[in-house]
Amino acid sequence: MKVSGGPAVVTSASSLVLRGLAKDSSGIARVFINGEEIPFKPTAQSAEFTSTRLLALGDNEIVIKVADRLGNEGIITLPVRREEEQVGGKNFALLIAIDQYDQWPRLVNPMNDARTVAEELIKSYGFTTEVLDNADRDHILSTLRRYAERKYGENDQLLIFFAGHGQFDEVLGDGYLVAKDSKLKDDIKTSYISHSNLRTVVNSIPCRHIFLVVDACFGGTFDPLIAANLRGEDEYKEVTKTEFIERKLKFKTRRYLTSGGKEYVPDGRPGQHSPFTRRFLEAFRSYGGRDGILTMNEILSFVEKVKPEPRAGEFGGNEPGSDFVFIAR
């Protein structure tokens, strides 16, 4: 008798320990695995066996053949797929998108942008995602607090993505995220989320690696130097990709990327994506090239062609040499 097929066993281990029990009324005479006869512990009508098999990367096939004392044979084929062990921890993404406002003009693409980015993160990079639809200020801040109360592993990563309206107050010298319930007439900005408050809240989240992406007008004023017109051109140095994951995950990450500096940014055509998010998605769909590791530098190489020029930098407790990596599945 031959039995084969079924879903493959998937593992990242270099070997697999097989433990089996074969039964036959006439007794078991011999046991083979991939043509190699192996020892077993016999009883009157059964045989217990254990064998360790080395696995090659990719698809493996383990064939177990058992013969009884009358010469009858039974064969089972077990498919096993060995995948490369992924370096790093768990990946989370919180995506906040607002296109319907109580008082501000409606936008056409933020929800589509956020959902498409979330789908790409799940499908290609194994992220666990949460999308906030048209959230008010309290909902956004309470959700960020929930992420601040979580426990994270040493190499876990958190991506926070915001798409919607943004504003800058020349008098107060601060930028703001516009929530669903933000008021048009609010001189003291109590209905908005200030960039200074956002920096504090996000920096307090105890995840070691955080990447904040803001697709909103005046998003670059998240950096106080840009808000004060003091920031020069950023420079990014190439890193060796083969060393990247192990080396970069040693450092605490607080990095941001915004769709512009101290200026308005376009929403894009209805039913499509904003120009910034379109290039952001193109970066994700490059899957990091041959090594399957998408870095911030590589993302920047895609979005830097957008007008106005996106801005990137660090905040809070970021450590020199840090980065945020997307490992394609």
C-alpha atoms as a PDB file:
ATOM      1  CA  MET A   1       0.000   0.000   0.000  1.00  0.00           C
ATOM      2  CA  LYS A   2       1.192   3.538  -0.806  1.00  0.00           C
ATOM      3  CA  VAL A   3       0.025   6.708   0.907  1.00  0.00           C
ATOM      4  CA  SER A   4       1.235  10.089  -0.336  1.00  0.00           C
ATOM      5  CA  GLY A   5       0.262  13.726  -0.715  1.00  0.00           C
ATOM      6  CA  GLY A   6      -1.241  16.028   1.853  1.00  0.00           C
ATOM      7  CA  PRO A   7       0.068  19.408   2.960  1.00  0.00           C
ATOM      8  CA  ALA A   8       3.797  19.732   3.440  1.00  0.00           C
ATOM      9  CA  VAL A   9       5.320  20.054   6.876  1.00  0.00           C
ATOM     10  CA  VAL A  10       7.011  23.465   6.987  1.00  0.00           C
ATOM     11  CA  THR A  11      10.014  24.108   9.213  1.00  0.00           C
ATOM     12  CA  SER A  12      13.114  26.270   9.404  1.00  0.00           C
ATOM     13  CA  ALA A  13      15.087  23.546  11.207  1.00  0.00           C
ATOM     14  CA  SER A  14      17.981  21.807   9.465  1.00  0.00           C
ATOM     15  CA  SER A  15      16.788  18.380  10.593  1.00  0.00           C
ATOM     16  CA  LEU A  16      13.571  16.582  11.434  1.00  0.00           C
ATOM     17  CA  VAL A  17      13.083  13.904  14.097  1.00  0.00           C
ATOM     18  CA  LEU A  18      10.677  11.200  12.923  1.00  0.00           C
ATOM     19  CA  ARG A  19       8.932   9.030  15.477  1.00  0.00           C
ATOM     20  CA  GLY A  20       6.640   6.305  14.221  1.00  0.00           C
ATOM     21  CA  LEU A  21       4.613   3.285  15.218  1.00  0.00           C
ATOM     22  CA  ALA A  22       3.864   0.597  12.624  1.00  0.00           C
ATOM     23  CA  LYS A  23       1.344  -2.174  13.322  1.00  0.00           C
ATOM     24  CA  ASP A  24       0.560  -5.422  11.513  1.00  0.00           C
ATOM     25  CA  SER A  25      -1.101  -8.621  12.722  1.00  0.00           C
ATOM     26  CA  SER A  26       1.737 -10.727  11.325  1.00  0.00           C
ATOM     27  CA  GLY A  27       4.436  -8.538  12.884  1.00  0.00           C
ATOM     28  CA  ILE A  28       6.864  -5.985  11.428  1.00  0.00           C
ATOM     29  CA  ALA A  29       9.992  -7.296   9.738  1.00  0.00           C
ATOM     30  CA  ARG A  30      11.794  -4.234   8.351  1.00  0.00           C
ATOM     31  CA  VAL A  31      11.525  -0.407   8.311  1.00  0.00           C
ATOM     32  CA  PHE A  32      13.126   1.847   5.680  1.00  0.00           C
ATOM     33  CA  ILE A  33      13.355   5.650   5.425  1.00  0.00           C
ATOM     34  CA  ASN A  34      14.391   6.969   2.005  1.00  0.00           C
ATOM     35  CA  GLY A  35      15.775   3.536   1.157  1.00  0.00           C
ATOM     36  CA  GLU A  36      17.869   3.252   4.324  1.00  0.00           C
ATOM     37  CA  GLU A  37      16.949   0.434   6.697  1.00  0.00           C
ATOM     38  CA  ILE A  38      16.649   1.694  10.254  1.00  0.00           C
ATOM     39  CA  PRO A  39      16.514  -0.113  13.595  1.00  0.00           C
ATOM     40  CA  PHE A  40      13.229  -0.354  15.483  1.00  0.00           C
ATOM     41  CA  LYS A  41      11.839  -1.607  18.775  1.00  0.00           C
ATOM     42  CA  PRO A  42       9.682  -4.653  17.968  1.00  0.00           C
ATOM     43  CA  THR A  43       6.688  -6.045  19.833  1.00  0.00           C
ATOM     44  CA  ALA A  44       4.433  -8.928  18.831  1.00  0.00           C
ATOM     45  CA  GLN A  45       2.459  -6.946  16.253  1.00  0.00           C
ATOM     46  CA  SER A  46       4.109  -3.516  16.049  1.00  0.00           C
ATOM     47  CA  ALA A  47       7.370  -1.625  15.713  1.00  0.00           C
ATOM     48  CA  GLU A  48       8.388   1.710  17.248  1.00  0.00           C
ATOM     49  CA  PHE A  49      11.096   3.688  15.456  1.00  0.00           C
ATOM     50  CA  THR A  50      12.883   7.025  15.712  1.00  0.00           C
ATOM     51  CA  SER A  51      15.103   8.576  13.065  1.00  0.00           C
ATOM     52  CA  THR A  52      16.664  12.018  12.514  1.00  0.00           C
ATOM     53  CA  ARG A  53      16.744  13.205   8.910  1.00  0.00           C
ATOM     54  CA  LEU A  54      18.745  16.147   7.551  1.00  0.00           C
ATOM     55  CA  LEU A  55      16.764  18.626   5.452  1.00  0.00           C
ATOM     56  CA  ALA A  56      17.908  20.622   2.443  1.00  0.00           C
ATOM     57  CA  LEU A  57      16.547  24.118   1.880  1.00  0.00           C
ATOM     58  CA  GLY A  58      13.368  23.950  -0.163  1.00  0.00           C
ATOM     59  CA  ASP A  59      11.242  20.861  -0.802  1.00  0.00           C
ATOM     60  CA  ASN A  60      12.170  17.500   0.705  1.00  0.00           C
ATOM     61  CA  GLU A  61      10.428  14.149   0.439  1.00  0.00           C
ATOM     62  CA  ILE A  62      10.625  11.518   3.161  1.00  0.00           C
ATOM     63  CA  VAL A  63       9.535   8.028   2.121  1.00  0.00           C
ATOM     64  CA  ILE A  64       8.810   5.559   4.922  1.00  0.00           C
ATOM     65  CA  LYS A  65       8.457   1.901   3.899  1.00  0.00           C
ATOM     66  CA  VAL A  66       7.417  -0.851   6.298  1.00  0.00           C
ATOM     67  CA  ALA A  67       7.454  -4.601   5.481  1.00  0.00           C
ATOM     68  CA  ASP A  68       5.646  -7.260   7.516  1.00  0.00           C
ATOM     69  CA  ARG A  69       6.798 -10.835   8.068  1.00  0.00           C
ATOM     70  CA  LEU A  70       4.697 -12.053   5.146  1.00  0.00           C
ATOM     71  CA  GLY A  71       6.428  -9.734   2.683  1.00  0.00           C
ATOM     72  CA  ASN A  72       3.637  -7.173   2.425  1.00  0.00           C
ATOM     73  CA  GLU A  73       4.738  -3.544   2.228  1.00  0.00           C
ATOM     74  CA  GLY A  74       3.235  -0.201   3.162  1.00  0.00           C
ATOM     75  CA  ILE A  75       4.686   3.115   1.988  1.00  0.00           C
ATOM     76  CA  ILE A  76       4.009   6.637   3.251  1.00  0.00           C
ATOM     77  CA  THR A  77       5.425   9.721   1.541  1.00  0.00           C
ATOM     78  CA  LEU A  78       5.827  12.798   3.732  1.00  0.00           C
ATOM     79  CA  PRO A  79       6.517  16.162   2.017  1.00  0.00           C
ATOM     80  CA  VAL A  80       8.627  18.570   4.067  1.00  0.00           C
ATOM     81  CA  ARG A  81       9.575  22.106   3.105  1.00  0.00           C
ATOM     82  CA  ARG A  82      12.504  23.761   4.838  1.00  0.00           C
ATOM     83  CA  GLU A  83      12.406  27.555   4.754  1.00  0.00           C
ATOM     84  CA  GLU A  84      15.201  29.917   5.665  1.00  0.00           C
ATOM     85  CA  GLU A  85      15.043  30.981   9.266  1.00  0.00           C
ATOM     86  CA  GLN A  86      13.879  34.566   9.469  1.00  0.00           C
ATOM     87  CA  VAL A  87      16.046  36.877  11.519  1.00  0.00           C
ATOM     88  CA  GLY A  88      14.136  39.338  13.650  1.00  0.00           C
ATOM     89  CA  GLY A  89      11.005  39.464  15.742  1.00  0.00           C
ATOM     90  CA  LYS A  90       7.322  40.092  15.116  1.00  0.00           C
ATOM     91  CA  ASN A  91       6.156  42.915  12.868  1.00  0.00           C
ATOM     92  CA  PHE A  92       3.185  45.141  13.643  1.00  0.00           C
ATOM     93  CA  ALA A  93       1.598  48.023  11.743  1.00  0.00           C
ATOM     94  CA  LEU A  94      -0.936  50.618  12.845  1.00  0.00           C
ATOM     95  CA  LEU A  95      -2.421  52.497   9.889  1.00  0.00           C
ATOM     96  CA  ILE A  96      -4.516  55.609  10.539  1.00  0.00           C
ATOM     97  CA  ALA A  97      -6.428  57.047   7.588  1.00  0.00           C
ATOM     98  CA  ILE A  98      -8.974  59.853   7.464  1.00  0.00           C
ATOM     99  CA  ASP A  99     -10.845  61.022   4.381  1.00  0.00           C
ATOM    100  CA  GLN A 100     -14.185  62.013   5.950  1.00  0.00           C
ATOM    101  CA  TYR A 101     -14.031  65.050   8.253  1.00  0.00           C
ATOM    102  CA  ASP A 102     -16.625  66.841  10.344  1.00  0.00           C
ATOM    103  CA  GLN A 103     -15.392  70.289   9.263  1.00  0.00           C
ATOM    104  CA  TRP A 104     -12.333  69.880   7.044  1.00  0.00           C
ATOM    105  CA  PRO A 105     -12.640  69.231   3.278  1.00  0.00           C
ATOM    106  CA  ARG A 106     -13.032  65.619   2.232  1.00  0.00           C
ATOM    107  CA  LEU A 107     -10.049  63.719   0.816  1.00  0.00           C
ATOM    108  CA  VAL A 108     -10.333  60.901  -1.728  1.00  0.00           C
ATOM    109  CA  ASN A 109      -7.386  58.538  -1.189  1.00  0.00           C
ATOM    110  CA  PRO A 110      -6.291  58.083   2.468  1.00  0.00           C
ATOM    111  CA  MET A 111      -8.475  55.029   3.185  1.00  0.00           C
ATOM    112  CA  ASN A 112      -7.532  53.363  -0.096  1.00  0.00           C
ATOM    113  CA  ASP A 113      -3.875  54.140   0.610  1.00  0.00           C
ATOM    114  CA  ALA A 114      -3.940  52.673   4.117  1.00  0.00           C
ATOM    115  CA  ARG A 115      -5.817  49.516   3.166  1.00  0.00           C
ATOM    116  CA  THR A 116      -3.547  48.822   0.207  1.00  0.00           C
ATOM    117  CA  VAL A 117      -0.416  49.336   2.312  1.00  0.00           C
ATOM    118  CA  ALA A 118      -1.875  47.030   4.988  1.00  0.00           C
ATOM    119  CA  GLU A 119      -2.603  44.301   2.431  1.00  0.00           C
ATOM    120  CA  GLU A 120       0.938  44.524   1.071  1.00  0.00           C
ATOM    121  CA  LEU A 121       2.435  44.330   4.566  1.00  0.00           C
ATOM    122  CA  ILE A 122       0.386  41.236   5.377  1.00  0.00           C
ATOM    123  CA  LYS A 123       0.928  39.449   2.071  1.00  0.00           C
ATOM    124  CA  SER A 124       4.589  40.181   1.433  1.00  0.00           C
ATOM    125  CA  TYR A 125       6.142  40.820   4.832  1.00  0.00           C
ATOM    126  CA  GLY A 126       4.053  38.925   7.388  1.00  0.00           C
ATOM    127  CA  PHE A 127       2.925  41.967   9.368  1.00  0.00           C
ATOM    128  CA  THR A 128       0.052  41.985  11.836  1.00  0.00           C
ATOM    129  CA  THR A 129      -1.909  45.109  10.916  1.00  0.00           C
ATOM    130  CA  GLU A 130      -4.610  47.330  12.383  1.00  0.00           C
ATOM    131  CA  VAL A 131      -6.378  50.031  10.358  1.00  0.00           C
ATOM    132  CA  LEU A 132      -8.188  52.956  11.998  1.00  0.00           C
ATOM    133  CA  ASP A 133     -10.899  54.332   9.697  1.00  0.00           C
ATOM    134  CA  ASN A 134     -11.810  58.006  10.033  1.00  0.00           C
ATOM    135  CA  ALA A 135     -10.884  58.142  13.703  1.00  0.00           C
ATOM    136  CA  ASP A 136     -11.414  61.140  15.953  1.00  0.00           C
ATOM    137  CA  ARG A 137      -8.651  62.621  18.100  1.00  0.00           C
ATOM    138  CA  ASP A 138      -9.481  60.647  21.248  1.00  0.00           C
ATOM    139  CA  HIS A 139      -9.664  57.360  19.344  1.00  0.00           C
ATOM    140  CA  ILE A 140      -6.259  57.951  17.754  1.00  0.00           C
ATOM    141  CA  LEU A 141      -4.602  58.867  21.053  1.00  0.00           C
ATOM    142  CA  SER A 142      -6.246  56.014  22.985  1.00  0.00           C
ATOM    143  CA  THR A 143      -5.078  53.554  20.316  1.00  0.00           C
ATOM    144  CA  LEU A 144      -1.512  54.874  20.532  1.00  0.00           C
ATOM    145  CA  ARG A 145      -1.734  54.506  24.312  1.00  0.00           C
ATOM    146  CA  ARG A 146      -2.819  50.888  23.869  1.00  0.00           C
ATOM    147  CA  TYR A 147       0.307  50.261  21.798  1.00  0.00           C
ATOM    148  CA  ALA A 148       2.351  51.953  24.535  1.00  0.00           C
ATOM    149  CA  GLU A 149       0.904  49.525  27.100  1.00  0.00           C
ATOM    150  CA  ARG A 150       1.851  46.424  25.102  1.00  0.00           C
ATOM    151  CA  LYS A 151       4.798  44.136  25.707  1.00  0.00           C
ATOM    152  CA  TYR A 152       7.236  43.717  22.811  1.00  0.00           C
ATOM    153  CA  GLY A 153      10.052  41.321  22.021  1.00  0.00           C
ATOM    154  CA  GLU A 154      13.638  42.505  21.661  1.00  0.00           C
ATOM    155  CA  ASN A 155      13.550  42.591  17.851  1.00  0.00           C
ATOM    156  CA  ASP A 156       9.875  43.404  17.267  1.00  0.00           C
ATOM    157  CA  GLN A 157       9.097  46.241  14.860  1.00  0.00           C
ATOM    158  CA  LEU A 158       6.189  48.691  14.705  1.00  0.00           C
ATOM    159  CA  LEU A 159       5.210  50.728  11.643  1.00  0.00           C
ATOM    160  CA  ILE A 160       2.822  53.644  12.231  1.00  0.00           C
ATOM    161  CA  PHE A 161       1.286  55.112   9.063  1.00  0.00           C
ATOM    162  CA  PHE A 162      -0.905  58.223   8.933  1.00  0.00           C
ATOM    163  CA  ALA A 163      -2.750  59.513   5.856  1.00  0.00           C
ATOM    164  CA  GLY A 164      -4.966  62.571   6.011  1.00  0.00           C
ATOM    165  CA  HIS A 165      -4.925  66.327   6.444  1.00  0.00           C
ATOM    166  CA  GLY A 166      -2.060  68.110   8.164  1.00  0.00           C
ATOM    167  CA  GLN A 167      -1.656  71.690   9.336  1.00  0.00           C
ATOM    168  CA  PHE A 168       1.122  74.002  10.509  1.00  0.00           C
ATOM    169  CA  ASP A 169       0.663  76.908  12.916  1.00  0.00           C
ATOM    170  CA  GLU A 170       3.144  79.699  12.232  1.00  0.00           C
ATOM    171  CA  VAL A 171       2.378  81.360  15.579  1.00  0.00           C
ATOM    172  CA  LEU A 172       2.933  78.263  17.715  1.00  0.00           C
ATOM    173  CA  GLY A 173       5.652  76.890  15.428  1.00  0.00           C
ATOM    174  CA  ASP A 174       4.279  73.349  15.455  1.00  0.00           C
ATOM    175  CA  GLY A 175       2.699  70.990  12.942  1.00  0.00           C
ATOM    176  CA  TYR A 176      -0.500  69.011  13.524  1.00  0.00           C
ATOM    177  CA  LEU A 177      -2.321  65.895  12.391  1.00  0.00           C
ATOM    178  CA  VAL A 178      -5.956  66.668  11.625  1.00  0.00           C
ATOM    179  CA  ALA A 179      -8.367  64.159  13.178  1.00  0.00           C
ATOM    180  CA  LYS A 180     -11.916  63.520  11.984  1.00  0.00           C
ATOM    181  CA  ASP A 181     -13.318  65.889  14.625  1.00  0.00           C
ATOM    182  CA  SER A 182     -10.638  68.604  14.409  1.00  0.00           C
ATOM    183  CA  LYS A 183     -12.247  72.042  14.188  1.00  0.00           C
ATOM    184  CA  LEU A 184     -11.473  74.586  11.500  1.00  0.00           C
ATOM    185  CA  LYS A 185     -11.585  77.387  14.074  1.00  0.00           C
ATOM    186  CA  ASP A 186      -9.406  76.211  16.942  1.00  0.00           C
ATOM    187  CA  ASP A 187      -6.660  78.711  17.716  1.00  0.00           C
ATOM    188  CA  ILE A 188      -5.307  76.720  20.669  1.00  0.00           C
ATOM    189  CA  LYS A 189      -5.458  73.455  18.689  1.00  0.00           C
ATOM    190  CA  THR A 190      -7.086  71.314  21.398  1.00  0.00           C
ATOM    191  CA  SER A 191      -8.907  69.278  18.721  1.00  0.00           C
ATOM    192  CA  TYR A 192      -5.685  68.457  16.839  1.00  0.00           C
ATOM    193  CA  ILE A 193      -2.718  66.166  17.516  1.00  0.00           C
ATOM    194  CA  SER A 194       0.451  68.221  17.636  1.00  0.00           C
ATOM    195  CA  HIS A 195       3.663  66.828  16.214  1.00  0.00           C
ATOM    196  CA  SER A 196       5.391  67.566  19.525  1.00  0.00           C
ATOM    197  CA  ASN A 197       2.798  65.444  21.350  1.00  0.00           C
ATOM    198  CA  LEU A 198       3.015  62.758  18.668  1.00  0.00           C
ATOM    199  CA  ARG A 199       6.803  62.565  19.069  1.00  0.00           C
ATOM    200  CA  THR A 200       6.432  62.098  22.829  1.00  0.00           C
ATOM    201  CA  VAL A 201       3.696  59.473  22.571  1.00  0.00           C
ATOM    202  CA  VAL A 202       5.358  57.412  19.829  1.00  0.00           C
ATOM    203  CA  ASN A 203       8.757  57.587  21.505  1.00  0.00           C
ATOM    204  CA  SER A 204       7.200  56.216  24.716  1.00  0.00           C
ATOM    205  CA  ILE A 205       5.956  53.041  23.002  1.00  0.00           C
ATOM    206  CA  PRO A 206       8.293  50.315  24.354  1.00  0.00           C
ATOM    207  CA  CYS A 207       8.883  48.713  20.945  1.00  0.00           C
ATOM    208  CA  ARG A 208      12.588  48.874  20.142  1.00  0.00           C
ATOM    209  CA  HIS A 209      12.135  49.544  16.412  1.00  0.00           C
ATOM    210  CA  ILE A 210       9.528  52.105  15.310  1.00  0.00           C
ATOM    211  CA  PHE A 211       9.076  53.647  11.861  1.00  0.00           C
ATOM    212  CA  LEU A 212       6.590  56.528  11.563  1.00  0.00           C
ATOM    213  CA  VAL A 213       5.276  57.408   8.093  1.00  0.00           C
ATOM    214  CA  VAL A 214       3.140  60.542   7.627  1.00  0.00           C
ATOM    215  CA  ASP A 215       1.409  61.267   4.309  1.00  0.00           C
ATOM    216  CA  ALA A 216      -0.067  64.663   5.145  1.00  0.00           C
ATOM    217  CA  CYS A 217       0.505  68.339   4.426  1.00  0.00           C
ATOM    218  CA  PHE A 218       3.308  69.846   6.515  1.00  0.00           C
ATOM    219  CA  GLY A 219       4.284  66.325   7.640  1.00  0.00           C
ATOM    220  CA  GLY A 220       7.952  67.275   7.564  1.00  0.00           C
ATOM    221  CA  THR A 221       7.389  69.681  10.461  1.00  0.00           C
ATOM    222  CA  PHE A 222       7.300  66.563  12.650  1.00  0.00           C
ATOM    223  CA  ASP A 223      11.010  67.423  12.759  1.00  0.00           C
ATOM    224  CA  PRO A 224      11.282  70.624  14.852  1.00  0.00           C
ATOM    225  CA  LEU A 225      14.288  71.750  12.793  1.00  0.00           C
ATOM    226  CA  ILE A 226      12.192  71.742   9.631  1.00  0.00           C
ATOM    227  CA  ALA A 227       9.429  73.569  11.495  1.00  0.00           C
ATOM    228  CA  ALA A 228      12.019  76.223  12.361  1.00  0.00           C
ATOM    229  CA  ASN A 229      13.505  76.229   8.826  1.00  0.00           C
ATOM    230  CA  LEU A 230      16.849  75.026  10.188  1.00  0.00           C
ATOM    231  CA  ARG A 231      17.154  71.607   8.631  1.00  0.00           C
ATOM    232  CA  GLY A 232      19.650  70.965   5.811  1.00  0.00           C
ATOM    233  CA  GLU A 233      19.870  68.089   3.400  1.00  0.00           C
ATOM    234  CA  ASP A 234      19.887  64.595   4.859  1.00  0.00           C
ATOM    235  CA  GLU A 235      22.650  62.160   3.986  1.00  0.00           C
ATOM    236  CA  TYR A 236      22.260  58.386   4.089  1.00  0.00           C
ATOM    237  CA  LYS A 237      25.110  55.923   3.998  1.00  0.00           C
ATOM    238  CA  GLU A 238      24.913  52.542   2.365  1.00  0.00           C
ATOM    239  CA  VAL A 239      25.173  49.481   4.583  1.00  0.00           C
ATOM    240  CA  THR A 240      26.206  45.925   3.764  1.00  0.00           C
ATOM    241  CA  LYS A 241      22.982  43.975   3.409  1.00  0.00           C
ATOM    242  CA  THR A 242      24.472  40.670   4.495  1.00  0.00           C
ATOM    243  CA  GLU A 243      25.338  42.255   7.844  1.00  0.00           C
ATOM    244  CA  PHE A 244      22.279  44.444   7.999  1.00  0.00           C
ATOM    245  CA  ILE A 245      19.655  42.535   9.973  1.00  0.00           C
ATOM    246  CA  GLU A 246      21.844  41.312  12.818  1.00  0.00           C
ATOM    247  CA  ARG A 247      23.784  44.551  13.075  1.00  0.00           C
ATOM    248  CA  LYS A 248      20.945  47.041  12.726  1.00  0.00           C
ATOM    249  CA  LEU A 249      18.548  45.296  15.094  1.00  0.00           C
ATOM    250  CA  LYS A 250      21.086  45.946  17.850  1.00  0.00           C
ATOM    251  CA  PHE A 251      20.138  49.628  17.860  1.00  0.00           C
ATOM    252  CA  LYS A 252      16.950  51.295  19.063  1.00  0.00           C
ATOM    253  CA  THR A 253      14.981  52.741  16.147  1.00  0.00           C
ATOM    254  CA  ARG A 254      12.928  55.927  16.109  1.00  0.00           C
ATOM    255  CA  ARG A 255      12.788  56.929  12.437  1.00  0.00           C
ATOM    256  CA  TYR A 256      10.220  58.879  10.451  1.00  0.00           C
ATOM    257  CA  LEU A 257       9.319  59.478   6.809  1.00  0.00           C
ATOM    258  CA  THR A 258       6.911  62.192   5.670  1.00  0.00           C
ATOM    259  CA  SER A 259       5.425  63.034   2.294  1.00  0.00           C
ATOM    260  CA  GLY A 260       6.796  66.575   2.352  1.00  0.00           C
ATOM    261  CA  GLY A 261       8.416  69.244   4.441  1.00  0.00           C
ATOM    262  CA  LYS A 262       6.797  72.505   5.489  1.00  0.00           C
ATOM    263  CA  GLU A 263       4.346  72.555   2.590  1.00  0.00           C
ATOM    264  CA  TYR A 264       1.106  71.203   1.134  1.00  0.00           C
ATOM    265  CA  VAL A 265       1.143  67.774  -0.518  1.00  0.00           C
ATOM    266  CA  PRO A 266      -1.288  66.395  -3.155  1.00  0.00           C
ATOM    267  CA  ASP A 267      -4.031  63.891  -2.376  1.00  0.00           C
ATOM    268  CA  GLY A 268      -3.989  62.356  -5.877  1.00  0.00           C
ATOM    269  CA  ARG A 269      -6.774  61.370  -8.243  1.00  0.00           C
ATOM    270  CA  PRO A 270      -9.958  59.748  -6.891  1.00  0.00           C
ATOM    271  CA  GLY A 271      -9.743  55.971  -6.653  1.00  0.00           C
ATOM    272  CA  GLN A 272      -5.972  55.927  -6.986  1.00  0.00           C
ATOM    273  CA  HIS A 273      -3.248  56.635  -4.441  1.00  0.00           C
ATOM    274  CA  SER A 274      -1.495  59.775  -3.367  1.00  0.00           C
ATOM    275  CA  PRO A 275       1.778  60.298  -5.287  1.00  0.00           C
ATOM    276  CA  PHE A 276       3.737  59.564  -2.101  1.00  0.00           C
ATOM    277  CA  THR A 277       1.856  56.352  -1.229  1.00  0.00           C
ATOM    278  CA  ARG A 278       2.094  55.160  -4.837  1.00  0.00           C
ATOM    279  CA  ARG A 279       5.894  55.279  -4.636  1.00  0.00           C
ATOM    280  CA  PHE A 280       5.785  53.843  -1.101  1.00  0.00           C
ATOM    281  CA  LEU A 281       3.861  50.833  -2.432  1.00  0.00           C
ATOM    282  CA  GLU A 282       6.290  50.478  -5.336  1.00  0.00           C
ATOM    283  CA  ALA A 283       9.066  50.167  -2.771  1.00  0.00           C
ATOM    284  CA  PHE A 284       7.170  47.406  -0.946  1.00  0.00           C
ATOM    285  CA  ARG A 285       6.523  45.595  -4.215  1.00  0.00           C
ATOM    286  CA  SER A 286      10.230  45.561  -5.024  1.00  0.00           C
ATOM    287  CA  TYR A 287      10.559  43.098  -2.112  1.00  0.00           C
ATOM    288  CA  GLY A 288      14.006  44.472  -1.314  1.00  0.00           C
ATOM    289  CA  GLY A 289      15.618  43.180  -4.491  1.00  0.00           C
ATOM    290  CA  ARG A 290      17.688  40.009  -4.630  1.00  0.00           C
ATOM    291  CA  ASP A 291      18.313  39.686  -0.897  1.00  0.00           C
ATOM    292  CA  GLY A 292      14.622  40.081   0.014  1.00  0.00           C
ATOM    293  CA  ILE A 293      15.418  42.747   2.608  1.00  0.00           C
ATOM    294  CA  LEU A 294      13.797  46.147   2.122  1.00  0.00           C
ATOM    295  CA  THR A 295      15.577  48.895   4.058  1.00  0.00           C
ATOM    296  CA  MET A 296      14.747  52.512   4.771  1.00  0.00           C
ATOM    297  CA  ASN A 297      17.470  53.592   2.359  1.00  0.00           C
ATOM    298  CA  GLU A 298      15.812  51.572  -0.394  1.00  0.00           C
ATOM    299  CA  ILE A 299      12.388  53.029   0.423  1.00  0.00           C
ATOM    300  CA  LEU A 300      13.890  56.513   0.244  1.00  0.00           C
ATOM    301  CA  SER A 301      15.296  55.768  -3.208  1.00  0.00           C
ATOM    302  CA  PHE A 302      11.711  55.249  -4.413  1.00  0.00           C
ATOM    303  CA  VAL A 303       9.950  58.147  -2.703  1.00  0.00           C
ATOM    304  CA  GLU A 304      12.664  60.768  -3.204  1.00  0.00           C
ATOM    305  CA  LYS A 305      11.454  61.281  -6.788  1.00  0.00           C
ATOM    306  CA  VAL A 306       8.084  62.593  -5.581  1.00  0.00           C
ATOM    307  CA  LYS A 307       7.282  66.310  -5.539  1.00  0.00           C
ATOM    308  CA  PRO A 308       7.294  67.903  -3.037  1.00  0.00           C
ATOM    309  CA  GLU A 309      10.380  66.182  -1.680  1.00  0.00           C
ATOM    310  CA  PRO A 310       9.674  63.704   1.151  1.00  0.00           C
ATOM    311  CA  ARG A 311      11.663  64.176   4.342  1.00  0.00           C
ATOM    312  CA  ALA A 312      13.179  61.548   6.612  1.00  0.00           C
ATOM    313  CA  GLY A 313      15.063  61.571   9.873  1.00  0.00           C
ATOM    314  CA  GLU A 314      15.100  60.438  13.482  1.00  0.00           C
ATOM    315  CA  PHE A 315      13.416  61.423  16.728  1.00  0.00           C
ATOM    316  CA  GLY A 316      13.234  60.536  20.415  1.00  0.00           C
ATOM    317  CA  GLY A 317      15.628  57.879  21.629  1.00  0.00           C
ATOM    318  CA  ASN A 318      16.922  56.791  18.222  1.00  0.00           C
ATOM    319  CA  GLU A 319      20.400  55.263  18.354  1.00  0.00           C
ATOM    320  CA  PRO A 320      23.055  55.904  15.679  1.00  0.00           C
ATOM    321  CA  GLY A 321      23.168  53.086  13.134  1.00  0.00           C
ATOM    322  CA  SER A 322      19.521  52.120  13.599  1.00  0.00           C
ATOM    323  CA  ASP A 323      17.149  51.179  10.806  1.00  0.00           C
ATOM    324  CA  PHE A 324      13.832  49.473  10.097  1.00  0.00           C
ATOM    325  CA  VAL A 325      13.767  46.386   7.882  1.00  0.00           C
ATOM    326  CA  PHE A 326      11.037  44.656   5.888  1.00  0.00           C
ATOM    327  CA  ILE A 327      11.892  40.991   5.246  1.00  0.00           C
ATOM    328  CA  ALA A 328      10.019  39.579   2.258  1.00  0.00           C
ATOM    329  CA  ARG A 329       8.379  36.212   2.807  1.00  0.00           C
END
